[in-house]
Amino acid sequence: MSPRTLETAFKGHFELSPLAYARRQRLLAARAALRDPTCESSVTQIALAHGFVHMSRFAAQYRQAFGVSPSDTLRSNRLGVNHS
């Protein structure tokens, strides 16, 4: 199967490119870590652990995906608020 055929099939099934799908999965994993009640890591540590190396891009993509900043998610988690 050619790369183009694979991408077309992937988009047909997931409605995302393989890269966008992988990014979405990493964002979901980072969000889960930020929402983990036992989390003692910083936003930067969590972003790096999930493969994000540009913090401003991570923050922008996170906000676009979830409507809140990663720091707000972490802060809410630490305060015991369930908004994000």
N, C-alpha and C. Protein backbone atom coordinates (compact mmCIF):
# COMPACT_ATOMS: atom_id res chain seq x y z
N MET A 1 0.85 -1.17 0.00
CA MET A 1 0.00 0.00 0.00
C MET A 1 0.90 1.23 0.00
N SER A 2 0.56 2.18 -0.83
CA SER A 2 1.37 3.39 -0.91
C SER A 2 1.03 4.31 0.26
N PRO A 3 1.96 5.21 0.60
CA PRO A 3 1.67 6.17 1.68
C PRO A 3 0.42 7.00 1.41
N ARG A 4 0.21 7.39 0.17
CA ARG A 4 -0.98 8.18 -0.17
C ARG A 4 -2.26 7.37 0.05
N THR A 5 -2.26 6.12 -0.33
CA THR A 5 -3.43 5.26 -0.12
C THR A 5 -3.69 5.06 1.35
N LEU A 6 -2.63 4.85 2.10
CA LEU A 6 -2.77 4.68 3.55
C LEU A 6 -3.35 5.94 4.19
N GLU A 7 -2.85 7.10 3.81
CA GLU A 7 -3.38 8.35 4.36
C GLU A 7 -4.84 8.56 3.99
N THR A 8 -5.20 8.25 2.76
CA THR A 8 -6.59 8.39 2.33
C THR A 8 -7.50 7.46 3.13
N ALA A 9 -7.07 6.23 3.33
CA ALA A 9 -7.86 5.28 4.11
C ALA A 9 -7.97 5.73 5.56
N PHE A 10 -6.88 6.23 6.10
CA PHE A 10 -6.86 6.70 7.49
C PHE A 10 -7.83 7.87 7.66
N LYS A 11 -7.77 8.81 6.74
CA LYS A 11 -8.67 9.97 6.78
C LYS A 11 -10.12 9.53 6.63
N GLY A 12 -10.36 8.53 5.80
CA GLY A 12 -11.71 8.03 5.61
C GLY A 12 -12.28 7.40 6.86
N HIS A 13 -11.43 6.76 7.63
CA HIS A 13 -11.89 6.08 8.84
C HIS A 13 -11.93 7.01 10.05
N PHE A 14 -10.88 7.78 10.27
CA PHE A 14 -10.76 8.61 11.46
C PHE A 14 -11.11 10.08 11.23
N GLU A 15 -11.26 10.47 9.96
CA GLU A 15 -11.52 11.86 9.59
C GLU A 15 -10.39 12.80 10.00
N LEU A 16 -9.20 12.25 10.15
CA LEU A 16 -7.99 13.00 10.48
C LEU A 16 -6.83 12.38 9.72
N SER A 17 -5.82 13.20 9.46
CA SER A 17 -4.60 12.63 8.90
C SER A 17 -3.90 11.83 10.00
N PRO A 18 -3.00 10.93 9.63
CA PRO A 18 -2.28 10.17 10.66
C PRO A 18 -1.55 11.08 11.65
N LEU A 19 -0.97 12.17 11.16
CA LEU A 19 -0.27 13.11 12.04
C LEU A 19 -1.24 13.79 13.00
N ALA A 20 -2.37 14.25 12.49
CA ALA A 20 -3.36 14.90 13.35
C ALA A 20 -3.92 13.92 14.37
N TYR A 21 -4.12 12.68 13.97
CA TYR A 21 -4.60 11.66 14.90
C TYR A 21 -3.60 11.42 16.02
N ALA A 22 -2.34 11.29 15.66
CA ALA A 22 -1.29 11.07 16.66
C ALA A 22 -1.20 12.27 17.61
N ARG A 23 -1.29 13.49 17.08
CA ARG A 23 -1.25 14.68 17.92
C ARG A 23 -2.44 14.69 18.88
N ARG A 24 -3.61 14.34 18.37
CA ARG A 24 -4.81 14.30 19.21
C ARG A 24 -4.65 13.29 20.35
N GLN A 25 -4.07 12.15 20.05
CA GLN A 25 -3.86 11.13 21.09
C GLN A 25 -2.86 11.64 22.14
N ARG A 26 -1.83 12.33 21.70
CA ARG A 26 -0.85 12.89 22.66
C ARG A 26 -1.49 13.98 23.49
N LEU A 27 -2.35 14.81 22.89
CA LEU A 27 -3.07 15.84 23.66
C LEU A 27 -3.99 15.21 24.70
N LEU A 28 -4.69 14.15 24.32
CA LEU A 28 -5.57 13.46 25.27
C LEU A 28 -4.78 12.86 26.42
N ALA A 29 -3.62 12.30 26.11
CA ALA A 29 -2.77 11.73 27.16
C ALA A 29 -2.23 12.82 28.08
N ALA A 30 -1.84 13.95 27.51
CA ALA A 30 -1.35 15.07 28.33
C ALA A 30 -2.47 15.59 29.22
N ARG A 31 -3.67 15.68 28.66
CA ARG A 31 -4.82 16.15 29.45
C ARG A 31 -5.10 15.20 30.61
N ALA A 32 -5.03 13.91 30.35
CA ALA A 32 -5.24 12.93 31.43
C ALA A 32 -4.20 13.11 32.53
N ALA A 33 -2.96 13.36 32.14
CA ALA A 33 -1.90 13.57 33.13
C ALA A 33 -2.15 14.85 33.92
N LEU A 34 -2.57 15.90 33.24
CA LEU A 34 -2.85 17.17 33.92
C LEU A 34 -4.02 17.04 34.88
N ARG A 35 -4.94 16.15 34.58
CA ARG A 35 -6.13 15.96 35.42
C ARG A 35 -5.93 14.88 36.49
N ASP A 36 -4.80 14.21 36.47
CA ASP A 36 -4.52 13.15 37.45
C ASP A 36 -4.37 13.76 38.84
N PRO A 37 -5.18 13.31 39.80
CA PRO A 37 -5.11 13.90 41.14
C PRO A 37 -3.78 13.68 41.85
N THR A 38 -2.99 12.72 41.41
CA THR A 38 -1.69 12.47 42.04
C THR A 38 -0.56 13.21 41.33
N CYS A 39 -0.91 14.00 40.30
CA CYS A 39 0.10 14.70 39.50
C CYS A 39 0.84 15.76 40.32
N GLU A 40 2.14 15.70 40.28
CA GLU A 40 2.97 16.72 40.91
C GLU A 40 3.90 17.37 39.90
N SER A 41 3.70 17.07 38.62
CA SER A 41 4.53 17.60 37.55
C SER A 41 4.03 18.96 37.11
N SER A 42 4.91 19.69 36.44
CA SER A 42 4.53 20.97 35.85
C SER A 42 3.94 20.74 34.47
N VAL A 43 3.32 21.76 33.92
CA VAL A 43 2.79 21.68 32.56
C VAL A 43 3.93 21.37 31.60
N THR A 44 5.06 22.01 31.76
CA THR A 44 6.20 21.77 30.88
C THR A 44 6.66 20.32 30.94
N GLN A 45 6.78 19.77 32.14
CA GLN A 45 7.20 18.38 32.28
C GLN A 45 6.22 17.43 31.60
N ILE A 46 4.94 17.69 31.77
CA ILE A 46 3.92 16.85 31.16
C ILE A 46 3.95 16.97 29.64
N ALA A 47 4.06 18.19 29.15
CA ALA A 47 4.12 18.41 27.69
C ALA A 47 5.32 17.67 27.10
N LEU A 48 6.46 17.83 27.70
CA LEU A 48 7.66 17.16 27.21
C LEU A 48 7.53 15.64 27.26
N ALA A 49 6.92 15.13 28.33
CA ALA A 49 6.74 13.69 28.48
C ALA A 49 5.83 13.11 27.39
N HIS A 50 4.99 13.96 26.80
CA HIS A 50 4.07 13.50 25.77
C HIS A 50 4.50 13.95 24.37
N GLY A 51 5.74 14.35 24.24
CA GLY A 51 6.32 14.61 22.93
C GLY A 51 6.14 16.01 22.39
N PHE A 52 5.71 16.94 23.22
CA PHE A 52 5.57 18.33 22.77
C PHE A 52 6.82 19.10 23.20
N VAL A 53 7.50 19.69 22.24
CA VAL A 53 8.74 20.39 22.57
C VAL A 53 8.62 21.90 22.47
N HIS A 54 7.57 22.37 21.81
CA HIS A 54 7.32 23.81 21.70
C HIS A 54 6.15 24.14 22.62
N MET A 55 6.44 24.76 23.75
CA MET A 55 5.41 24.98 24.77
C MET A 55 4.28 25.89 24.29
N SER A 56 4.61 26.91 23.51
CA SER A 56 3.54 27.80 23.04
C SER A 56 2.62 27.08 22.06
N ARG A 57 3.19 26.23 21.21
CA ARG A 57 2.36 25.44 20.29
C ARG A 57 1.50 24.45 21.06
N PHE A 58 2.11 23.81 22.06
CA PHE A 58 1.34 22.88 22.90
C PHE A 58 0.17 23.59 23.55
N ALA A 59 0.43 24.74 24.14
CA ALA A 59 -0.63 25.48 24.83
C ALA A 59 -1.74 25.88 23.85
N ALA A 60 -1.36 26.33 22.67
CA ALA A 60 -2.35 26.74 21.67
C ALA A 60 -3.17 25.55 21.18
N GLN A 61 -2.51 24.44 20.90
CA GLN A 61 -3.23 23.25 20.44
C GLN A 61 -4.12 22.69 21.54
N TYR A 62 -3.65 22.73 22.78
CA TYR A 62 -4.43 22.25 23.92
C TYR A 62 -5.68 23.12 24.09
N ARG A 63 -5.50 24.43 24.04
CA ARG A 63 -6.64 25.34 24.19
C ARG A 63 -7.64 25.14 23.05
N GLN A 64 -7.15 24.95 21.84
CA GLN A 64 -8.05 24.74 20.71
C GLN A 64 -8.82 23.43 20.88
N ALA A 65 -8.17 22.41 21.39
CA ALA A 65 -8.82 21.10 21.54
C ALA A 65 -9.81 21.06 22.70
N PHE A 66 -9.47 21.73 23.81
CA PHE A 66 -10.25 21.56 25.04
C PHE A 66 -10.88 22.84 25.58
N GLY A 67 -10.59 23.98 24.95
CA GLY A 67 -11.23 25.22 25.35
C GLY A 67 -10.71 25.83 26.63
N VAL A 68 -9.60 25.36 27.11
CA VAL A 68 -8.99 25.86 28.34
C VAL A 68 -7.48 25.65 28.22
N SER A 69 -6.71 26.44 28.93
CA SER A 69 -5.26 26.29 28.85
C SER A 69 -4.80 25.09 29.69
N PRO A 70 -3.66 24.52 29.36
CA PRO A 70 -3.16 23.41 30.16
C PRO A 70 -2.90 23.83 31.61
N SER A 71 -2.43 25.05 31.82
CA SER A 71 -2.19 25.49 33.20
C SER A 71 -3.49 25.62 33.97
N ASP A 72 -4.57 26.04 33.31
CA ASP A 72 -5.87 26.09 33.98
C ASP A 72 -6.36 24.69 34.36
N THR A 73 -6.12 23.73 33.48
CA THR A 73 -6.51 22.34 33.79
C THR A 73 -5.74 21.86 35.01
N LEU A 74 -4.44 22.10 35.03
CA LEU A 74 -3.63 21.66 36.16
C LEU A 74 -4.03 22.39 37.43
N ARG A 75 -4.24 23.68 37.35
CA ARG A 75 -4.65 24.47 38.51
C ARG A 75 -5.99 23.98 39.06
N SER A 76 -6.95 23.74 38.18
CA SER A 76 -8.26 23.24 38.61
C SER A 76 -8.12 21.88 39.30
N ASN A 77 -7.25 21.05 38.74
CA ASN A 77 -7.01 19.74 39.33
C ASN A 77 -6.46 19.87 40.74
N ARG A 78 -5.51 20.75 40.91
CA ARG A 78 -4.88 20.92 42.22
C ARG A 78 -5.82 21.57 43.23
N LEU A 79 -6.77 22.35 42.73
CA LEU A 79 -7.75 22.98 43.62
C LEU A 79 -8.97 22.10 43.85
N GLY A 80 -9.02 20.98 43.12
CA GLY A 80 -10.15 20.07 43.25
C GLY A 80 -11.38 20.52 42.50
N VAL A 81 -11.21 21.41 41.52
CA VAL A 81 -12.32 21.90 40.71
C VAL A 81 -12.40 21.02 39.46
N ASN A 82 -13.59 20.68 39.03
CA ASN A 82 -13.75 19.82 37.86
C ASN A 82 -14.34 20.59 36.70
N HIS A 83 -13.63 21.61 36.19
CA HIS A 83 -14.13 22.43 35.09
C HIS A 83 -13.58 22.01 33.75
N SER A 84 -12.40 21.40 33.72
CA SER A 84 -11.78 21.10 32.41
C SER A 84 -11.72 19.63 32.15
